[in-house]
C-alpha atoms as a PDB file:
ATOM      1  CA  MET A   1      -4.222  10.330 -11.037  1.00  0.00           C
ATOM      2  CA  LYS A   2      -2.471   7.933  -8.836  1.00  0.00           C
ATOM      3  CA  ARG A   3       0.562   8.205  -6.704  1.00  0.00           C
ATOM      4  CA  VAL A   4       2.825   5.142  -6.733  1.00  0.00           C
ATOM      5  CA  PHE A   5       5.391   4.298  -4.553  1.00  0.00           C
ATOM      6  CA  ALA A   6       8.988   2.506  -5.486  1.00  0.00           C
ATOM      7  CA  GLY A   7      11.111   1.065  -3.008  1.00  0.00           C
ATOM      8  CA  ASN A   8      14.282  -0.578  -2.389  1.00  0.00           C
ATOM      9  CA  LEU A   9      15.984   1.892  -5.312  1.00  0.00           C
ATOM     10  CA  PRO A  10      19.879   1.954  -5.230  1.00  0.00           C
ATOM     11  CA  ALA A  11      21.557   4.734  -3.847  1.00  0.00           C
ATOM     12  CA  ASP A  12      22.563   6.487  -7.213  1.00  0.00           C
ATOM     13  CA  THR A  13      19.156   5.972  -8.751  1.00  0.00           C
ATOM     14  CA  THR A  14      18.328   9.427 -10.526  1.00  0.00           C
ATOM     15  CA  GLU A  15      14.820  11.161 -11.511  1.00  0.00           C
ATOM     16  CA  ARG A  16      15.486  10.689 -15.209  1.00  0.00           C
ATOM     17  CA  GLU A  17      16.087   6.691 -14.616  1.00  0.00           C
ATOM     18  CA  LEU A  18      13.022   6.340 -12.735  1.00  0.00           C
ATOM     19  CA  SER A  19      11.373   8.215 -15.427  1.00  0.00           C
ATOM     20  CA  GLU A  20      12.345   6.286 -18.170  1.00  0.00           C
ATOM     21  CA  LEU A  21      11.538   3.024 -16.530  1.00  0.00           C
ATOM     22  CA  PHE A  22       8.314   4.007 -15.615  1.00  0.00           C
ATOM     23  CA  ALA A  23       7.548   6.015 -18.718  1.00  0.00           C
ATOM     24  CA  GLY A  24       7.476   2.587 -20.535  1.00  0.00           C
ATOM     25  CA  PHE A  25       3.843   2.104 -18.695  1.00  0.00           C
ATOM     26  CA  GLY A  26       2.470   5.195 -19.819  1.00  0.00           C
ATOM     27  CA  LYS A  27       3.175   9.247 -19.014  1.00  0.00           C
ATOM     28  CA  VAL A  28       4.712  10.331 -16.262  1.00  0.00           C
ATOM     29  CA  PHE A  29       3.475  13.155 -14.573  1.00  0.00           C
ATOM     30  CA  SER A  30       6.085  13.885 -11.798  1.00  0.00           C
ATOM     31  CA  ILE A  31       8.709  11.901  -9.437  1.00  0.00           C
ATOM     32  CA  LYS A  32      10.104  12.504  -6.143  1.00  0.00           C
ATOM     33  CA  LEU A  33      13.047  10.744  -4.856  1.00  0.00           C
ATOM     34  CA  ALA A  34      13.466  10.851  -1.109  1.00  0.00           C
ATOM     35  CA  GLN A  35      17.317  12.348  -1.008  1.00  0.00           C
ATOM     36  CA  ASP A  36      19.360  12.230   1.854  1.00  0.00           C
ATOM     37  CA  VAL A  37      19.983  15.953   2.805  1.00  0.00           C
ATOM     38  CA  PHE A  38      23.616  16.050   2.911  1.00  0.00           C
ATOM     39  CA  SER A  39      24.735  13.298   0.517  1.00  0.00           C
ATOM     40  CA  GLY A  40      22.013  14.281  -2.182  1.00  0.00           C
ATOM     41  CA  GLN A  41      21.675  10.482  -3.053  1.00  0.00           C
ATOM     42  CA  CYS A  42      18.494   8.296  -2.981  1.00  0.00           C
ATOM     43  CA  LYS A  43      17.150   7.283   0.368  1.00  0.00           C
ATOM     44  CA  GLY A  44      15.922   3.952  -1.539  1.00  0.00           C
ATOM     45  CA  PHE A  45      12.309   5.327  -2.251  1.00  0.00           C
ATOM     46  CA  GLY A  46      10.130   7.774  -4.144  1.00  0.00           C
ATOM     47  CA  PHE A  47       6.769   8.513  -5.798  1.00  0.00           C
ATOM     48  CA  ILE A  48       5.649   8.688  -9.220  1.00  0.00           C
ATOM     49  CA  GLU A  49       2.491  10.070 -10.614  1.00  0.00           C
ATOM     50  CA  MET A  50       0.681   8.530 -13.531  1.00  0.00           C
ATOM     51  CA  GLU A  51      -2.943   8.101 -14.859  1.00  0.00           C
ATOM     52  CA  GLY A  52      -4.832   5.212 -12.845  1.00  0.00           C
ATOM     53  CA  HIS A  53      -4.576   2.961 -15.483  1.00  0.00           C
ATOM     54  CA  GLU A  54      -1.021   3.508 -16.330  1.00  0.00           C
ATOM     55  CA  ALA A  55      -0.015   3.246 -13.037  1.00  0.00           C
ATOM     56  CA  ARG A  56      -1.372  -0.055 -12.120  1.00  0.00           C
ATOM     57  CA  ALA A  57       0.250  -1.523 -15.155  1.00  0.00           C
ATOM     58  CA  ALA A  58       3.553   0.205 -14.139  1.00  0.00           C
ATOM     59  CA  ILE A  59       2.845  -1.408 -10.351  1.00  0.00           C
ATOM     60  CA  ALA A  60       2.221  -5.061 -11.979  1.00  0.00           C
ATOM     61  CA  GLY A  61       5.382  -4.740 -14.534  1.00  0.00           C
ATOM     62  CA  LEU A  62       7.889  -3.286 -12.098  1.00  0.00           C
ATOM     63  CA  ASN A  63       7.112  -4.722  -8.630  1.00  0.00           C
ATOM     64  CA  GLY A  64       9.604  -7.488  -8.246  1.00  0.00           C
ATOM     65  CA  LYS A  65      11.750  -6.333 -11.003  1.00  0.00           C
ATOM     66  CA  GLU A  66      15.510  -5.956 -10.448  1.00  0.00           C
ATOM     67  CA  LEU A  67      17.175  -2.680 -11.025  1.00  0.00           C
ATOM     68  CA  ARG A  68      21.100  -3.048 -10.830  1.00  0.00           C
ATOM     69  CA  GLY A  69      20.565  -6.169  -8.690  1.00  0.00           C
ATOM     70  CA  LYS A  70      17.647  -4.992  -6.262  1.00  0.00           C
ATOM     71  CA  PRO A  71      14.329  -6.201  -6.545  1.00  0.00           C
ATOM     72  CA  LEU A  72      11.720  -3.444  -6.617  1.00  0.00           C
ATOM     73  CA  LYS A  73       9.025  -2.764  -4.413  1.00  0.00           C
ATOM     74  CA  VAL A  74       6.296  -0.842  -6.414  1.00  0.00           C
ATOM     75  CA  ASN A  75       2.821  -0.236  -5.385  1.00  0.00           C
ATOM     76  CA  GLU A  76       0.086   2.340  -4.590  1.00  0.00           C
ATOM     77  CA  GLU A  77       0.771   4.682  -2.074  1.00  0.00           C
ATOM     78  CA  LYS A  78      -0.971   4.149   0.816  1.00  0.00           C
ATOM     79  CA  PRO A  79      -2.125   7.071   3.102  1.00  0.00           C
ATOM     80  CA  ARG A  80      -0.075   7.874   6.340  1.00  0.00           C
ATOM     81  CA  ASP A  81      -1.630   6.805   9.633  1.00  0.00           C
ATOM     82  CA  ASN A  82      -2.175   9.611  11.986  1.00  0.00           C
ATOM     83  CA  ARG A  83      -0.735   8.002  14.865  1.00  0.00           C
ATOM     84  CA  ARG A  84       2.023   9.907  16.458  1.00  0.00           C
ATOM     85  CA  GLY A  85       5.366   7.909  15.936  1.00  0.00           C
ATOM     86  CA  GLY A  86       8.271   8.180  18.179  1.00  0.00           C
ATOM     87  CA  ALA A  87       6.500   9.159  21.443  1.00  0.00           C
ATOM     88  CA  ARG A  88       8.268   8.409  24.709  1.00  0.00           C
ATOM     89  CA  ARG A  89       6.197   5.853  26.680  1.00  0.00           C
ATOM     90  CA  ARG A  90       6.367   6.144  30.264  1.00  0.00           C
END
């Protein structure tokens, strides 16, 4: 199972729309869109879980493809750094 990052999504993107887009490459197990707490709109990115070979095919087929005029950024999710962000420097 691979987790795929999809970025540069339009603000009105829905999980259903993203599921239909990725389903062309294989079975989508889960989708999680980052949503604004107040408006409920997409923050421009989300994560999709698919089988490894299907995820790689989706990355190859969708990276750079336009969704309503915006080029998608699709790649394998990378682990986060353990660095502390936002700390003040003195």
